[in-house]
Amino acid sequence: MNGVKRLSAPLNEKQLLNLRAGDEVSIYGVIYTARDAAHKRIYEIIKNGDKMPFDPEGQIIYYVGPTPPRPGRVIGSAGPTTSCRMDKYTPLLLEKGIKAVIGKGKRSEEIKKSFIENGAVYLVALGGAGALLSRHIVRAEVIAFEDLGPEAIYKMEVEGFPAFVCYDLYGRDLFEEGIKKYRKE
């Protein structure tokens, strides 16, 4: 790793080409949230030929269901949820222009290939650090599916949101490389 890499959302191809599995990134700009229930609805919207609640081109989706904010805060705890639960919906969203997702945990081989085929990256944030991660969220508003409560889609403005590149455009996988690094052959 060569220091922290700054990402400005929405993302462009140049930013993604410079990322490698293991890179630490700091995200600035607008990201969108979506968990299981929101993914299912978005998937159905796309399949029905309807318009998504936001323009997906170059966007980042954060797999999070934030808690209500404490007084004086923009949002409550906002830690990542397990990403593999979104695997069923991920390829279609990547095809529609999503360029990164933030979550935690490994993904299937099929999903890893989908990231490469669609020129997108998988970012991981530290699980269990939701209160700390929320400090990087400077604005948050529900833009769709308010009835889902914390699983509604939020538009969030972030400043210096920390994450790591897990899957890059070149097929490298932080989990696999980490295991190899510490496994004795």
C-alpha atoms as a PDB file:
ATOM      1  CA  MET A   1       0.000   0.000   0.000  1.00  0.00           C
ATOM      2  CA  ASN A   2       1.199   3.456  -0.857  1.00  0.00           C
ATOM      3  CA  GLY A   3      -0.723   5.552   1.662  1.00  0.00           C
ATOM      4  CA  VAL A   4      -4.427   6.263   1.714  1.00  0.00           C
ATOM      5  CA  LYS A   5      -6.040   6.785  -1.701  1.00  0.00           C
ATOM      6  CA  ARG A   6      -8.744   9.426  -1.991  1.00  0.00           C
ATOM      7  CA  LEU A   7     -11.923   8.490  -3.851  1.00  0.00           C
ATOM      8  CA  SER A   8     -14.440  11.104  -4.982  1.00  0.00           C
ATOM      9  CA  ALA A   9     -17.955   9.738  -5.440  1.00  0.00           C
ATOM     10  CA  PRO A  10     -19.439   9.233  -7.915  1.00  0.00           C
ATOM     11  CA  LEU A  11     -16.477   7.245  -9.203  1.00  0.00           C
ATOM     12  CA  ASN A  12     -14.828   7.366 -12.594  1.00  0.00           C
ATOM     13  CA  GLU A  13     -12.750   4.786 -14.451  1.00  0.00           C
ATOM     14  CA  LYS A  14      -9.438   6.529 -13.714  1.00  0.00           C
ATOM     15  CA  GLN A  15     -10.001   6.241  -9.962  1.00  0.00           C
ATOM     16  CA  LEU A  16     -10.810   2.539 -10.235  1.00  0.00           C
ATOM     17  CA  LEU A  17      -7.841   1.700 -12.465  1.00  0.00           C
ATOM     18  CA  ASN A  18      -5.462   2.932  -9.760  1.00  0.00           C
ATOM     19  CA  LEU A  19      -6.893   0.745  -7.011  1.00  0.00           C
ATOM     20  CA  ARG A  20      -5.347  -2.524  -5.866  1.00  0.00           C
ATOM     21  CA  ALA A  21      -6.630  -5.105  -3.402  1.00  0.00           C
ATOM     22  CA  GLY A  22      -5.372  -4.073   0.021  1.00  0.00           C
ATOM     23  CA  ASP A  23      -5.341  -0.328  -0.680  1.00  0.00           C
ATOM     24  CA  GLU A  24      -6.781   1.838   2.052  1.00  0.00           C
ATOM     25  CA  VAL A  25      -9.202   4.408   0.667  1.00  0.00           C
ATOM     26  CA  SER A  26     -10.850   7.537   2.008  1.00  0.00           C
ATOM     27  CA  ILE A  27     -14.184   8.349   0.345  1.00  0.00           C
ATOM     28  CA  TYR A  28     -15.606  11.832  -0.211  1.00  0.00           C
ATOM     29  CA  GLY A  29     -18.910  12.712  -1.849  1.00  0.00           C
ATOM     30  CA  VAL A  30     -22.300  11.055  -2.100  1.00  0.00           C
ATOM     31  CA  ILE A  31     -22.930   7.358  -1.492  1.00  0.00           C
ATOM     32  CA  TYR A  32     -26.226   5.466  -1.266  1.00  0.00           C
ATOM     33  CA  THR A  33     -27.308   2.844   1.232  1.00  0.00           C
ATOM     34  CA  ALA A  34     -29.173  -0.370   0.510  1.00  0.00           C
ATOM     35  CA  ARG A  35     -29.568  -3.591   2.425  1.00  0.00           C
ATOM     36  CA  ASP A  36     -31.491  -6.791   1.722  1.00  0.00           C
ATOM     37  CA  ALA A  37     -35.050  -5.442   1.463  1.00  0.00           C
ATOM     38  CA  ALA A  38     -34.027  -2.380  -0.561  1.00  0.00           C
ATOM     39  CA  HIS A  39     -31.983  -4.554  -2.924  1.00  0.00           C
ATOM     40  CA  LYS A  40     -34.976  -6.779  -3.545  1.00  0.00           C
ATOM     41  CA  ARG A  41     -37.133  -3.762  -4.411  1.00  0.00           C
ATOM     42  CA  ILE A  42     -34.494  -2.199  -6.664  1.00  0.00           C
ATOM     43  CA  TYR A  43     -34.074  -5.532  -8.453  1.00  0.00           C
ATOM     44  CA  GLU A  44     -37.822  -5.739  -9.072  1.00  0.00           C
ATOM     45  CA  ILE A  45     -37.918  -2.114 -10.292  1.00  0.00           C
ATOM     46  CA  ILE A  46     -35.174  -2.810 -12.821  1.00  0.00           C
ATOM     47  CA  LYS A  47     -36.751  -6.080 -13.957  1.00  0.00           C
ATOM     48  CA  ASN A  48     -40.060  -4.231 -14.501  1.00  0.00           C
ATOM     49  CA  GLY A  49     -38.292  -1.639 -16.661  1.00  0.00           C
ATOM     50  CA  ASP A  50     -38.885   1.158 -14.184  1.00  0.00           C
ATOM     51  CA  LYS A  51     -36.424   3.851 -13.120  1.00  0.00           C
ATOM     52  CA  MET A  52     -34.203   3.307 -10.077  1.00  0.00           C
ATOM     53  CA  PRO A  53     -34.588   5.720  -7.120  1.00  0.00           C
ATOM     54  CA  PHE A  54     -31.173   7.223  -8.000  1.00  0.00           C
ATOM     55  CA  ASP A  55     -28.930   7.350 -11.061  1.00  0.00           C
ATOM     56  CA  PRO A  56     -26.599   4.344 -10.617  1.00  0.00           C
ATOM     57  CA  GLU A  57     -23.844   5.536 -12.977  1.00  0.00           C
ATOM     58  CA  GLY A  58     -20.527   5.596 -11.076  1.00  0.00           C
ATOM     59  CA  GLN A  59     -22.215   5.316  -7.700  1.00  0.00           C
ATOM     60  CA  ILE A  60     -21.243   3.535  -4.501  1.00  0.00           C
ATOM     61  CA  ILE A  61     -23.745   1.477  -2.499  1.00  0.00           C
ATOM     62  CA  TYR A  62     -23.049   0.976   1.198  1.00  0.00           C
ATOM     63  CA  TYR A  63     -24.630  -2.120   2.732  1.00  0.00           C
ATOM     64  CA  VAL A  64     -25.835  -0.511   5.947  1.00  0.00           C
ATOM     65  CA  GLY A  65     -28.983   0.001   7.976  1.00  0.00           C
ATOM     66  CA  PRO A  66     -28.083   2.948  10.202  1.00  0.00           C
ATOM     67  CA  THR A  67     -29.543   3.409  13.655  1.00  0.00           C
ATOM     68  CA  PRO A  68     -31.428   6.592  14.577  1.00  0.00           C
ATOM     69  CA  PRO A  69     -29.180   9.547  15.400  1.00  0.00           C
ATOM     70  CA  ARG A  70     -28.461  10.717  18.907  1.00  0.00           C
ATOM     71  CA  PRO A  71     -29.245  14.386  19.563  1.00  0.00           C
ATOM     72  CA  GLY A  72     -26.844  16.608  17.634  1.00  0.00           C
ATOM     73  CA  ARG A  73     -25.741  13.818  15.284  1.00  0.00           C
ATOM     74  CA  VAL A  74     -26.520  13.355  11.585  1.00  0.00           C
ATOM     75  CA  ILE A  75     -26.993   9.608  11.880  1.00  0.00           C
ATOM     76  CA  GLY A  76     -26.584   6.822  14.384  1.00  0.00           C
ATOM     77  CA  SER A  77     -24.261   3.866  14.197  1.00  0.00           C
ATOM     78  CA  ALA A  78     -23.590   2.955  10.566  1.00  0.00           C
ATOM     79  CA  GLY A  79     -21.550  -0.227  10.341  1.00  0.00           C
ATOM     80  CA  PRO A  80     -21.453  -2.534   7.313  1.00  0.00           C
ATOM     81  CA  THR A  81     -23.643  -5.593   7.011  1.00  0.00           C
ATOM     82  CA  THR A  82     -22.638  -8.964   5.573  1.00  0.00           C
ATOM     83  CA  SER A  83     -22.295  -8.543   1.821  1.00  0.00           C
ATOM     84  CA  CYS A  84     -23.026 -12.055   0.571  1.00  0.00           C
ATOM     85  CA  ARG A  85     -26.717 -11.521   1.345  1.00  0.00           C
ATOM     86  CA  MET A  86     -26.790  -9.092  -1.605  1.00  0.00           C
ATOM     87  CA  ASP A  87     -25.088 -11.509  -4.049  1.00  0.00           C
ATOM     88  CA  LYS A  88     -28.353 -12.374  -5.812  1.00  0.00           C
ATOM     89  CA  TYR A  89     -28.855  -8.716  -6.779  1.00  0.00           C
ATOM     90  CA  THR A  90     -25.285  -7.483  -7.243  1.00  0.00           C
ATOM     91  CA  PRO A  91     -24.616  -8.455 -10.904  1.00  0.00           C
ATOM     92  CA  LEU A  92     -27.675  -6.563 -12.177  1.00  0.00           C
ATOM     93  CA  LEU A  93     -26.785  -3.447 -10.186  1.00  0.00           C
ATOM     94  CA  LEU A  94     -23.207  -3.553 -11.470  1.00  0.00           C
ATOM     95  CA  GLU A  95     -24.552  -3.875 -15.026  1.00  0.00           C
ATOM     96  CA  LYS A  96     -26.626  -0.734 -14.398  1.00  0.00           C
ATOM     97  CA  GLY A  97     -23.511   1.304 -13.557  1.00  0.00           C
ATOM     98  CA  ILE A  98     -22.756   0.855  -9.844  1.00  0.00           C
ATOM     99  CA  LYS A  99     -18.952   1.052  -9.580  1.00  0.00           C
ATOM    100  CA  ALA A 100     -18.376   0.089  -5.944  1.00  0.00           C
ATOM    101  CA  VAL A 101     -20.114  -1.440  -2.980  1.00  0.00           C
ATOM    102  CA  ILE A 102     -19.065  -1.290   0.655  1.00  0.00           C
ATOM    103  CA  GLY A 103     -19.768  -4.159   3.018  1.00  0.00           C
ATOM    104  CA  LYS A 104     -17.998  -6.859   4.955  1.00  0.00           C
ATOM    105  CA  GLY A 105     -17.057 -10.456   4.329  1.00  0.00           C
ATOM    106  CA  LYS A 106     -16.240 -12.690   1.388  1.00  0.00           C
ATOM    107  CA  ARG A 107     -18.322 -12.949  -1.778  1.00  0.00           C
ATOM    108  CA  SER A 108     -18.914 -15.853  -4.148  1.00  0.00           C
ATOM    109  CA  GLU A 109     -16.619 -16.551  -7.108  1.00  0.00           C
ATOM    110  CA  GLU A 110     -19.481 -15.627  -9.458  1.00  0.00           C
ATOM    111  CA  ILE A 111     -19.781 -12.212  -7.805  1.00  0.00           C
ATOM    112  CA  LYS A 112     -16.032 -11.649  -7.919  1.00  0.00           C
ATOM    113  CA  LYS A 113     -16.166 -12.252 -11.680  1.00  0.00           C
ATOM    114  CA  SER A 114     -19.117  -9.866 -12.011  1.00  0.00           C
ATOM    115  CA  PHE A 115     -17.080  -7.072 -10.420  1.00  0.00           C
ATOM    116  CA  ILE A 116     -14.298  -7.605 -12.971  1.00  0.00           C
ATOM    117  CA  GLU A 117     -16.682  -7.910 -15.946  1.00  0.00           C
ATOM    118  CA  ASN A 118     -18.452  -4.686 -14.972  1.00  0.00           C
ATOM    119  CA  GLY A 119     -15.360  -2.653 -14.083  1.00  0.00           C
ATOM    120  CA  ALA A 120     -16.326  -2.299 -10.424  1.00  0.00           C
ATOM    121  CA  VAL A 121     -14.652  -2.834  -7.052  1.00  0.00           C
ATOM    122  CA  TYR A 122     -15.688  -4.325  -3.737  1.00  0.00           C
ATOM    123  CA  LEU A 123     -14.720  -2.278  -0.699  1.00  0.00           C
ATOM    124  CA  VAL A 124     -14.825  -3.484   2.895  1.00  0.00           C
ATOM    125  CA  ALA A 125     -15.323  -1.417   6.025  1.00  0.00           C
ATOM    126  CA  LEU A 126     -14.565  -2.548   9.539  1.00  0.00           C
ATOM    127  CA  GLY A 127     -17.413  -4.439  11.127  1.00  0.00           C
ATOM    128  CA  GLY A 128     -18.142  -3.444  14.726  1.00  0.00           C
ATOM    129  CA  ALA A 129     -16.995   0.134  14.103  1.00  0.00           C
ATOM    130  CA  GLY A 130     -20.375   1.608  13.173  1.00  0.00           C
ATOM    131  CA  ALA A 131     -20.239   4.443  15.706  1.00  0.00           C
ATOM    132  CA  LEU A 132     -16.811   5.492  14.456  1.00  0.00           C
ATOM    133  CA  LEU A 133     -17.793   5.177  10.782  1.00  0.00           C
ATOM    134  CA  SER A 134     -20.851   7.374  11.353  1.00  0.00           C
ATOM    135  CA  ARG A 135     -18.561  10.287  12.206  1.00  0.00           C
ATOM    136  CA  HIS A 136     -17.612  10.433   8.516  1.00  0.00           C
ATOM    137  CA  ILE A 137     -21.230  10.901   7.434  1.00  0.00           C
ATOM    138  CA  VAL A 138     -21.980  14.619   7.280  1.00  0.00           C
ATOM    139  CA  ARG A 139     -25.475  14.495   5.718  1.00  0.00           C
ATOM    140  CA  ALA A 140     -28.082  11.770   5.408  1.00  0.00           C
ATOM    141  CA  GLU A 141     -31.585  11.764   3.968  1.00  0.00           C
ATOM    142  CA  VAL A 142     -34.002   9.007   3.074  1.00  0.00           C
ATOM    143  CA  ILE A 143     -34.689   9.085  -0.682  1.00  0.00           C
ATOM    144  CA  ALA A 144     -36.681   5.870  -1.177  1.00  0.00           C
ATOM    145  CA  PHE A 145     -38.549   3.089   0.618  1.00  0.00           C
ATOM    146  CA  GLU A 146     -39.092   5.022   3.851  1.00  0.00           C
ATOM    147  CA  ASP A 147     -41.404   2.221   5.013  1.00  0.00           C
ATOM    148  CA  LEU A 148     -38.331  -0.011   5.400  1.00  0.00           C
ATOM    149  CA  GLY A 149     -37.080   2.048   8.353  1.00  0.00           C
ATOM    150  CA  PRO A 150     -33.308   1.658   8.715  1.00  0.00           C
ATOM    151  CA  GLU A 151     -33.254  -0.399   5.494  1.00  0.00           C
ATOM    152  CA  ALA A 152     -34.617   2.528   3.466  1.00  0.00           C
ATOM    153  CA  ILE A 153     -32.317   3.983   0.829  1.00  0.00           C
ATOM    154  CA  TYR A 154     -30.368   6.912   2.196  1.00  0.00           C
ATOM    155  CA  LYS A 155     -28.379   9.442   0.225  1.00  0.00           C
ATOM    156  CA  MET A 156     -25.330  10.135   2.384  1.00  0.00           C
ATOM    157  CA  GLU A 157     -22.617  12.696   2.011  1.00  0.00           C
ATOM    158  CA  VAL A 158     -19.365  11.394   3.423  1.00  0.00           C
ATOM    159  CA  GLU A 159     -16.020  12.986   4.218  1.00  0.00           C
ATOM    160  CA  GLY A 160     -13.011  10.751   4.668  1.00  0.00           C
ATOM    161  CA  PHE A 161     -15.044   7.550   4.968  1.00  0.00           C
ATOM    162  CA  PRO A 162     -12.452   4.774   5.511  1.00  0.00           C
ATOM    163  CA  ALA A 163     -12.509   1.450   3.665  1.00  0.00           C
ATOM    164  CA  PHE A 164     -10.188  -1.102   2.058  1.00  0.00           C
ATOM    165  CA  VAL A 165     -10.195  -2.421  -1.491  1.00  0.00           C
ATOM    166  CA  CYS A 166     -11.103  -6.083  -1.269  1.00  0.00           C
ATOM    167  CA  TYR A 167     -11.625  -6.993  -4.960  1.00  0.00           C
ATOM    168  CA  ASP A 168      -9.930  -4.849  -7.568  1.00  0.00           C
ATOM    169  CA  LEU A 169     -10.395  -4.647 -11.333  1.00  0.00           C
ATOM    170  CA  TYR A 170      -7.532  -7.087 -11.888  1.00  0.00           C
ATOM    171  CA  GLY A 171      -8.997 -10.064 -10.037  1.00  0.00           C
ATOM    172  CA  ARG A 172      -6.983  -9.646  -6.867  1.00  0.00           C
ATOM    173  CA  ASP A 173      -8.722 -10.541  -3.599  1.00  0.00           C
ATOM    174  CA  LEU A 174      -7.632  -9.089  -0.261  1.00  0.00           C
ATOM    175  CA  PHE A 175      -8.947 -12.105   1.659  1.00  0.00           C
ATOM    176  CA  GLU A 176      -7.005 -14.609  -0.474  1.00  0.00           C
ATOM    177  CA  GLU A 177      -3.835 -12.517  -0.422  1.00  0.00           C
ATOM    178  CA  GLY A 178      -4.099 -12.082   3.343  1.00  0.00           C
ATOM    179  CA  ILE A 179      -4.399 -15.819   3.908  1.00  0.00           C
ATOM    180  CA  LYS A 180      -1.425 -16.554   1.635  1.00  0.00           C
ATOM    181  CA  LYS A 181       0.663 -13.952   3.413  1.00  0.00           C
ATOM    182  CA  TYR A 182       0.254 -15.617   6.781  1.00  0.00           C
ATOM    183  CA  ARG A 183      -0.085 -19.285   5.800  1.00  0.00           C
ATOM    184  CA  LYS A 184       3.044 -21.350   6.077  1.00  0.00           C
ATOM    185  CA  GLU A 185       3.463 -23.555   3.032  1.00  0.00           C
END
